[in-house]
């Protein structure tokens, strides 16, 4: 859950920061620079970040809803007291 939220936030913010333009791969292989700085690539990475954030929030919602339930049963099917 925390992994999805952290990765989602990073993928949402990093493509639009100056860190993205000065990364190792773009400097080591110059033909990659136009692809990495393309707004289409940045938008695709941001979209992946949104998907990860959505997955993180779904997991978080499951945790909160499971915590509020009082009708949880043990593995053999008998309800807890």
PDB file of N, CA and C in Angstrom:
ATOM      1  N   UNK A   1       0.825  -1.174   0.000  1.00  0.00           N
ATOM      2  CA  UNK A   1       0.000   0.000   0.000  1.00  0.00           C
ATOM      3  C   UNK A   1       0.877   1.248   0.000  1.00  0.00           C
ATOM      4  N   UNK A   2       1.812   1.337   0.909  1.00  0.00           N
ATOM      5  CA  UNK A   2       2.686   2.507   0.955  1.00  0.00           C
ATOM      6  C   UNK A   2       3.549   2.572  -0.291  1.00  0.00           C
ATOM      7  N   UNK A   3       3.930   1.412  -0.822  1.00  0.00           N
ATOM      8  CA  UNK A   3       4.743   1.373  -2.033  1.00  0.00           C
ATOM      9  C   UNK A   3       4.001   2.020  -3.195  1.00  0.00           C
ATOM     10  N   UNK A   4       2.730   1.663  -3.386  1.00  0.00           N
ATOM     11  CA  UNK A   4       1.954   2.232  -4.481  1.00  0.00           C
ATOM     12  C   UNK A   4       1.814   3.741  -4.343  1.00  0.00           C
ATOM     13  N   UNK A   5       1.585   4.205  -3.124  1.00  0.00           N
ATOM     14  CA  UNK A   5       1.429   5.641  -2.913  1.00  0.00           C
ATOM     15  C   UNK A   5       2.733   6.391  -3.173  1.00  0.00           C
ATOM     16  N   UNK A   6       3.847   5.845  -2.700  1.00  0.00           N
ATOM     17  CA  UNK A   6       5.132   6.508  -2.904  1.00  0.00           C
ATOM     18  C   UNK A   6       5.533   6.522  -4.375  1.00  0.00           C
ATOM     19  N   UNK A   7       5.428   5.384  -5.026  1.00  0.00           N
ATOM     20  CA  UNK A   7       5.787   5.312  -6.442  1.00  0.00           C
ATOM     21  C   UNK A   7       4.862   6.196  -7.271  1.00  0.00           C
ATOM     22  N   UNK A   8       3.589   6.195  -6.926  1.00  0.00           N
ATOM     23  CA  UNK A   8       2.642   7.044  -7.646  1.00  0.00           C
ATOM     24  C   UNK A   8       2.983   8.516  -7.542  1.00  0.00           C
ATOM     25  N   UNK A   9       3.323   8.954  -6.346  1.00  0.00           N
ATOM     26  CA  UNK A   9       3.694  10.363  -6.178  1.00  0.00           C
ATOM     27  C   UNK A   9       4.976  10.703  -6.931  1.00  0.00           C
ATOM     28  N   UNK A  10       5.954   9.798  -6.884  1.00  0.00           N
ATOM     29  CA  UNK A  10       7.193  10.048  -7.618  1.00  0.00           C
ATOM     30  C   UNK A  10       6.955  10.114  -9.123  1.00  0.00           C
ATOM     31  N   UNK A  11       6.182   9.165  -9.655  1.00  0.00           N
ATOM     32  CA  UNK A  11       5.921   9.157 -11.086  1.00  0.00           C
ATOM     33  C   UNK A  11       5.022  10.314 -11.513  1.00  0.00           C
ATOM     34  N   UNK A  12       4.302  10.870 -10.599  1.00  0.00           N
ATOM     35  CA  UNK A  12       3.454  12.008 -10.904  1.00  0.00           C
ATOM     36  C   UNK A  12       4.260  13.310 -10.981  1.00  0.00           C
ATOM     37  N   UNK A  13       5.259  13.442 -10.122  1.00  0.00           N
ATOM     38  CA  UNK A  13       5.995  14.704 -10.003  1.00  0.00           C
ATOM     39  C   UNK A  13       7.298  14.727 -10.810  1.00  0.00           C
ATOM     40  N   UNK A  14       8.053  13.640 -10.788  1.00  0.00           N
ATOM     41  CA  UNK A  14       9.389  13.653 -11.396  1.00  0.00           C
ATOM     42  C   UNK A  14       9.443  13.996 -12.881  1.00  0.00           C
ATOM     43  N   UNK A  15       8.528  13.529 -13.722  1.00  0.00           N
ATOM     44  CA  UNK A  15       8.663  13.872 -15.142  1.00  0.00           C
ATOM     45  C   UNK A  15       8.598  15.365 -15.438  1.00  0.00           C
ATOM     46  N   UNK A  16       8.049  16.143 -14.535  1.00  0.00           N
ATOM     47  CA  UNK A  16       7.904  17.572 -14.788  1.00  0.00           C
ATOM     48  C   UNK A  16       8.935  18.395 -14.019  1.00  0.00           C
ATOM     49  N   UNK A  17       9.898  17.736 -13.371  1.00  0.00           N
ATOM     50  CA  UNK A  17      10.932  18.458 -12.628  1.00  0.00           C
ATOM     51  C   UNK A  17      12.212  18.558 -13.463  1.00  0.00           C
ATOM     52  N   UNK A  18      13.128  19.359 -13.011  1.00  0.00           N
ATOM     53  CA  UNK A  18      14.404  19.503 -13.725  1.00  0.00           C
ATOM     54  C   UNK A  18      15.257  18.241 -13.581  1.00  0.00           C
ATOM     55  N   UNK A  19      14.995  17.452 -12.568  1.00  0.00           N
ATOM     56  CA  UNK A  19      15.716  16.192 -12.385  1.00  0.00           C
ATOM     57  C   UNK A  19      15.523  15.279 -13.590  1.00  0.00           C
ATOM     58  N   UNK A  20      14.342  15.294 -14.181  1.00  0.00           N
ATOM     59  CA  UNK A  20      14.018  14.438 -15.327  1.00  0.00           C
ATOM     60  C   UNK A  20      14.892  14.775 -16.542  1.00  0.00           C
ATOM     61  N   UNK A  21      15.178  16.041 -16.759  1.00  0.00           N
ATOM     62  CA  UNK A  21      15.962  16.469 -17.922  1.00  0.00           C
ATOM     63  C   UNK A  21      17.442  16.183 -17.773  1.00  0.00           C
ATOM     64  N   UNK A  22      17.919  16.052 -16.565  1.00  0.00           N
ATOM     65  CA  UNK A  22      19.354  15.854 -16.327  1.00  0.00           C
ATOM     66  C   UNK A  22      19.616  14.476 -15.736  1.00  0.00           C
ATOM     67  N   UNK A  23      18.982  13.442 -16.282  1.00  0.00           N
ATOM     68  CA  UNK A  23      19.210  12.114 -15.730  1.00  0.00           C
ATOM     69  C   UNK A  23      20.377  11.419 -16.416  1.00  0.00           C
ATOM     70  N   UNK A  24      20.832  10.350 -15.819  1.00  0.00           N
ATOM     71  CA  UNK A  24      22.022   9.636 -16.287  1.00  0.00           C
ATOM     72  C   UNK A  24      21.830   9.045 -17.674  1.00  0.00           C
ATOM     73  N   UNK A  25      20.679   8.440 -17.926  1.00  0.00           N
ATOM     74  CA  UNK A  25      20.457   7.741 -19.181  1.00  0.00           C
ATOM     75  C   UNK A  25      20.418   8.700 -20.373  1.00  0.00           C
ATOM     76  N   UNK A  26      19.836   9.858 -20.184  1.00  0.00           N
ATOM     77  CA  UNK A  26      19.774  10.834 -21.272  1.00  0.00           C
ATOM     78  C   UNK A  26      21.159  11.402 -21.571  1.00  0.00           C
ATOM     79  N   UNK A  27      21.985  11.549 -20.557  1.00  0.00           N
ATOM     80  CA  UNK A  27      23.334  12.067 -20.783  1.00  0.00           C
ATOM     81  C   UNK A  27      24.273  10.998 -21.304  1.00  0.00           C
ATOM     82  N   UNK A  28      24.067   9.741 -20.922  1.00  0.00           N
ATOM     83  CA  UNK A  28      24.937   8.654 -21.391  1.00  0.00           C
ATOM     84  C   UNK A  28      24.628   8.282 -22.838  1.00  0.00           C
ATOM     85  N   UNK A  29      23.394   8.406 -23.252  1.00  0.00           N
ATOM     86  CA  UNK A  29      23.002   8.055 -24.614  1.00  0.00           C
ATOM     87  C   UNK A  29      22.183   9.210 -25.192  1.00  0.00           C
ATOM     88  N   UNK A  30      22.844  10.172 -25.853  1.00  0.00           N
ATOM     89  CA  UNK A  30      22.168  11.393 -26.335  1.00  0.00           C
ATOM     90  C   UNK A  30      20.965  11.171 -27.254  1.00  0.00           C
ATOM     91  N   UNK A  31      20.903  10.103 -28.085  1.00  0.00           N
ATOM     92  CA  UNK A  31      19.686   9.943 -28.897  1.00  0.00           C
ATOM     93  C   UNK A  31      18.415   9.719 -28.070  1.00  0.00           C
ATOM     94  N   UNK A  32      18.568   9.366 -26.818  1.00  0.00           N
ATOM     95  CA  UNK A  32      17.415   9.131 -25.948  1.00  0.00           C
ATOM     96  C   UNK A  32      16.829  10.438 -25.405  1.00  0.00           C
ATOM     97  N   UNK A  33      17.608  11.511 -25.452  1.00  0.00           N
ATOM     98  CA  UNK A  33      17.190  12.798 -24.888  1.00  0.00           C
ATOM     99  C   UNK A  33      15.863  13.317 -25.462  1.00  0.00           C
ATOM    100  N   UNK A  34      15.665  13.330 -26.787  1.00  0.00           N
ATOM    101  CA  UNK A  34      14.372  13.849 -27.292  1.00  0.00           C
ATOM    102  C   UNK A  34      13.172  13.012 -26.848  1.00  0.00           C
ATOM    103  N   UNK A  35      13.357  11.709 -26.718  1.00  0.00           N
ATOM    104  CA  UNK A  35      12.256  10.855 -26.274  1.00  0.00           C
ATOM    105  C   UNK A  35      11.903  11.119 -24.814  1.00  0.00           C
ATOM    106  N   UNK A  36      12.919  11.241 -23.984  1.00  0.00           N
ATOM    107  CA  UNK A  36      12.670  11.451 -22.556  1.00  0.00           C
ATOM    108  C   UNK A  36      12.091  12.831 -22.248  1.00  0.00           C
ATOM    109  N   UNK A  37      12.444  13.823 -23.032  1.00  0.00           N
ATOM    110  CA  UNK A  37      11.940  15.172 -22.767  1.00  0.00           C
ATOM    111  C   UNK A  37      10.648  15.467 -23.518  1.00  0.00           C
ATOM    112  N   UNK A  38      10.139  14.478 -24.261  1.00  0.00           N
ATOM    113  CA  UNK A  38       8.879  14.654 -24.970  1.00  0.00           C
ATOM    114  C   UNK A  38       7.728  14.741 -23.969  1.00  0.00           C
ATOM    115  N   UNK A  39       6.795  15.626 -24.259  1.00  0.00           N
ATOM    116  CA  UNK A  39       5.625  15.754 -23.387  1.00  0.00           C
ATOM    117  C   UNK A  39       4.764  14.501 -23.401  1.00  0.00           C
ATOM    118  N   UNK A  40       4.798  13.757 -24.506  1.00  0.00           N
ATOM    119  CA  UNK A  40       4.044  12.504 -24.572  1.00  0.00           C
ATOM    120  C   UNK A  40       4.604  11.480 -23.590  1.00  0.00           C
ATOM    121  N   UNK A  41       5.930  11.372 -23.530  1.00  0.00           N
ATOM    122  CA  UNK A  41       6.566  10.445 -22.588  1.00  0.00           C
ATOM    123  C   UNK A  41       6.296  10.877 -21.155  1.00  0.00           C
ATOM    124  N   UNK A  42       6.427  12.164 -20.915  1.00  0.00           N
ATOM    125  CA  UNK A  42       6.163  12.672 -19.565  1.00  0.00           C
ATOM    126  C   UNK A  42       4.717  12.418 -19.161  1.00  0.00           C
ATOM    127  N   UNK A  43       3.800  12.605 -20.084  1.00  0.00           N
ATOM    128  CA  UNK A  43       2.397  12.347 -19.795  1.00  0.00           C
ATOM    129  C   UNK A  43       2.117  10.874 -19.534  1.00  0.00           C
ATOM    130  N   UNK A  44       2.798   9.991 -20.283  1.00  0.00           N
ATOM    131  CA  UNK A  44       2.614   8.553 -20.075  1.00  0.00           C
ATOM    132  C   UNK A  44       3.119   8.136 -18.696  1.00  0.00           C
ATOM    133  N   UNK A  45       4.256   8.662 -18.296  1.00  0.00           N
ATOM    134  CA  UNK A  45       4.808   8.338 -16.975  1.00  0.00           C
ATOM    135  C   UNK A  45       3.904   8.902 -15.885  1.00  0.00           C
ATOM    136  N   UNK A  46       3.382  10.096 -16.100  1.00  0.00           N
ATOM    137  CA  UNK A  46       2.444  10.678 -15.141  1.00  0.00           C
ATOM    138  C   UNK A  46       1.181   9.830 -15.046  1.00  0.00           C
ATOM    139  N   UNK A  47       0.714   9.300 -16.173  1.00  0.00           N
ATOM    140  CA  UNK A  47      -0.445   8.409 -16.165  1.00  0.00           C
ATOM    141  C   UNK A  47      -0.193   7.155 -15.356  1.00  0.00           C
ATOM    142  N   UNK A  48       1.004   6.592 -15.486  1.00  0.00           N
ATOM    143  CA  UNK A  48       1.363   5.433 -14.657  1.00  0.00           C
ATOM    144  C   UNK A  48       1.373   5.807 -13.180  1.00  0.00           C
ATOM    145  N   UNK A  49       1.798   7.023 -12.883  1.00  0.00           N
ATOM    146  CA  UNK A  49       1.760   7.491 -11.502  1.00  0.00           C
ATOM    147  C   UNK A  49       0.345   7.578 -10.974  1.00  0.00           C
ATOM    148  N   UNK A  50      -0.575   8.035 -11.815  1.00  0.00           N
ATOM    149  CA  UNK A  50      -1.972   8.108 -11.392  1.00  0.00           C
ATOM    150  C   UNK A  50      -2.555   6.716 -11.159  1.00  0.00           C
ATOM    151  N   UNK A  51      -2.178   5.764 -11.997  1.00  0.00           N
ATOM    152  CA  UNK A  51      -2.646   4.381 -11.804  1.00  0.00           C
ATOM    153  C   UNK A  51      -2.122   3.833 -10.486  1.00  0.00           C
ATOM    154  N   UNK A  52      -0.850   4.084 -10.186  1.00  0.00           N
ATOM    155  CA  UNK A  52      -0.271   3.624  -8.923  1.00  0.00           C
ATOM    156  C   UNK A  52      -0.936   4.294  -7.729  1.00  0.00           C
ATOM    157  N   UNK A  53      -1.213   5.588  -7.833  1.00  0.00           N
ATOM    158  CA  UNK A  53      -1.909   6.270  -6.740  1.00  0.00           C
ATOM    159  C   UNK A  53      -3.301   5.683  -6.540  1.00  0.00           C
ATOM    160  N   UNK A  54      -3.986   5.406  -7.632  1.00  0.00           N
ATOM    161  CA  UNK A  54      -5.316   4.790  -7.521  1.00  0.00           C
ATOM    162  C   UNK A  54      -5.245   3.442  -6.825  1.00  0.00           C
ATOM    163  N   UNK A  55      -4.265   2.625  -7.194  1.00  0.00           N
ATOM    164  CA  UNK A  55      -4.105   1.314  -6.548  1.00  0.00           C
ATOM    165  C   UNK A  55      -3.779   1.473  -5.069  1.00  0.00           C
ATOM    166  N   UNK A  56      -2.967   2.460  -4.739  1.00  0.00           N
ATOM    167  CA  UNK A  56      -2.638   2.700  -3.337  1.00  0.00           C
ATOM    168  C   UNK A  56      -3.840   3.128  -2.523  1.00  0.00           C
ATOM    169  N   UNK A  57      -4.681   3.993  -3.100  1.00  0.00           N
ATOM    170  CA  UNK A  57      -5.868   4.440  -2.376  1.00  0.00           C
ATOM    171  C   UNK A  57      -6.898   3.323  -2.240  1.00  0.00           C
ATOM    172  N   UNK A  58      -6.991   2.448  -3.234  1.00  0.00           N
ATOM    173  CA  UNK A  58      -7.895   1.299  -3.128  1.00  0.00           C
ATOM    174  C   UNK A  58      -7.432   0.385  -2.001  1.00  0.00           C
ATOM    175  N   UNK A  59      -6.127   0.123  -1.935  1.00  0.00           N
ATOM    176  CA  UNK A  59      -5.598  -0.696  -0.840  1.00  0.00           C
ATOM    177  C   UNK A  59      -5.840  -0.037   0.514  1.00  0.00           C
ATOM    178  N   UNK A  60      -5.650   1.260   0.566  1.00  0.00           N
ATOM    179  CA  UNK A  60      -5.871   1.985   1.816  1.00  0.00           C
ATOM    180  C   UNK A  60      -7.341   1.908   2.233  1.00  0.00           C
ATOM    181  N   UNK A  61      -8.245   2.018   1.278  1.00  0.00           N
ATOM    182  CA  UNK A  61      -9.668   1.914   1.583  1.00  0.00           C
ATOM    183  C   UNK A  61     -10.016   0.519   2.097  1.00  0.00           C
ATOM    184  N   UNK A  62      -9.395  -0.508   1.522  1.00  0.00           N
ATOM    185  CA  UNK A  62      -9.633  -1.871   1.994  1.00  0.00           C
ATOM    186  C   UNK A  62      -9.171  -2.042   3.440  1.00  0.00           C
ATOM    187  N   UNK A  63      -8.051  -1.442   3.775  1.00  0.00           N
ATOM    188  CA  UNK A  63      -7.545  -1.546   5.150  1.00  0.00           C
ATOM    189  C   UNK A  63      -8.516  -0.882   6.121  1.00  0.00           C
ATOM    190  N   UNK A  64      -8.995   0.307   5.763  1.00  0.00           N
ATOM    191  CA  UNK A  64      -9.900   1.018   6.666  1.00  0.00           C
ATOM    192  C   UNK A  64     -11.248   0.333   6.785  1.00  0.00           C
ATOM    193  N   UNK A  65     -11.746  -0.240   5.696  1.00  0.00           N
ATOM    194  CA  UNK A  65     -13.035  -0.915   5.791  1.00  0.00           C
ATOM    195  C   UNK A  65     -12.909  -2.242   6.540  1.00  0.00           C
ATOM    196  N   UNK A  66     -11.787  -2.930   6.397  1.00  0.00           N
ATOM    197  CA  UNK A  66     -11.586  -4.187   7.124  1.00  0.00           C
ATOM    198  C   UNK A  66     -11.403  -3.926   8.612  1.00  0.00           C
ATOM    199  N   UNK A  67     -10.818  -2.807   8.954  1.00  0.00           N
ATOM    200  CA  UNK A  67     -10.599  -2.470  10.359  1.00  0.00           C
ATOM    201  C   UNK A  67     -11.913  -2.191  11.068  1.00  0.00           C
ATOM    202  N   UNK A  68     -12.881  -1.629  10.352  1.00  0.00           N
ATOM    203  CA  UNK A  68     -14.157  -1.272  10.959  1.00  0.00           C
ATOM    204  C   UNK A  68     -15.137  -2.427  11.084  1.00  0.00           C
ATOM    205  N   UNK A  69     -14.864  -3.544  10.467  1.00  0.00           N
ATOM    206  CA  UNK A  69     -15.782  -4.684  10.531  1.00  0.00           C
ATOM    207  C   UNK A  69     -15.659  -5.412  11.860  1.00  0.00           C
ATOM    208  N   UNK A  70     -16.798  -5.805  12.391  1.00  0.00           N
ATOM    209  CA  UNK A  70     -16.770  -6.578  13.627  1.00  0.00           C
ATOM    210  C   UNK A  70     -17.200  -8.014  13.392  1.00  0.00           C
ATOM    211  N   UNK A  71     -17.611  -8.333  12.159  1.00  0.00           N
ATOM    212  CA  UNK A  71     -18.087  -9.681  11.856  1.00  0.00           C
ATOM    213  C   UNK A  71     -17.004 -10.530  11.191  1.00  0.00           C
ATOM    214  N   UNK A  72     -15.778 -10.304  11.577  1.00  0.00           N
ATOM    215  CA  UNK A  72     -14.663 -11.064  11.018  1.00  0.00           C
ATOM    216  C   UNK A  72     -14.669 -12.461  11.614  1.00  0.00           C
ATOM    217  N   UNK A  73     -14.473 -13.472  10.784  1.00  0.00           N
ATOM    218  CA  UNK A  73     -14.475 -14.846  11.280  1.00  0.00           C
ATOM    219  C   UNK A  73     -13.075 -15.425  11.204  1.00  0.00           C
ATOM    220  N   UNK A  74     -12.829 -16.415  12.018  1.00  0.00           N
ATOM    221  CA  UNK A  74     -11.541 -17.113  12.010  1.00  0.00           C
ATOM    222  C   UNK A  74     -11.516 -18.072  10.825  1.00  0.00           C
ATOM    223  N   UNK A  75     -10.332 -18.598  10.440  1.00  0.00           N
ATOM    224  CA  UNK A  75     -10.245 -19.424   9.230  1.00  0.00           C
ATOM    225  C   UNK A  75     -11.174 -20.627   9.185  1.00  0.00           C
ATOM    226  N   UNK A  76     -11.594 -21.183  10.318  1.00  0.00           N
ATOM    227  CA  UNK A  76     -12.476 -22.363  10.260  1.00  0.00           C
ATOM    228  C   UNK A  76     -13.951 -21.964  10.060  1.00  0.00           C
ATOM    229  N   UNK A  77     -14.256 -20.689   9.971  1.00  0.00           N
ATOM    230  CA  UNK A  77     -15.603 -20.246   9.681  1.00  0.00           C
ATOM    231  C   UNK A  77     -16.429 -19.834  10.873  1.00  0.00           C
ATOM    232  N   UNK A  78     -15.924 -20.020  12.082  1.00  0.00           N
ATOM    233  CA  UNK A  78     -16.687 -19.644  13.257  1.00  0.00           C
ATOM    234  C   UNK A  78     -16.466 -18.170  13.549  1.00  0.00           C
ATOM    235  N   UNK A  79     -17.532 -17.453  13.889  1.00  0.00           N
ATOM    236  CA  UNK A  79     -17.374 -16.024  14.160  1.00  0.00           C
ATOM    237  C   UNK A  79     -16.631 -15.798  15.485  1.00  0.00           C
ATOM    238  N   UNK A  80     -15.902 -14.694  15.502  1.00  0.00           N
ATOM    239  CA  UNK A  80     -15.195 -14.317  16.729  1.00  0.00           C
ATOM    240  C   UNK A  80     -16.161 -13.704  17.714  1.00  0.00           C
ATOM    241  N   UNK A  81     -15.807 -13.801  18.980  1.00  0.00           N
ATOM    242  CA  UNK A  81     -16.642 -13.226  20.031  1.00  0.00           C
ATOM    243  C   UNK A  81     -16.329 -11.777  20.240  1.00  0.00           C
TER     244      UNK A  81
END
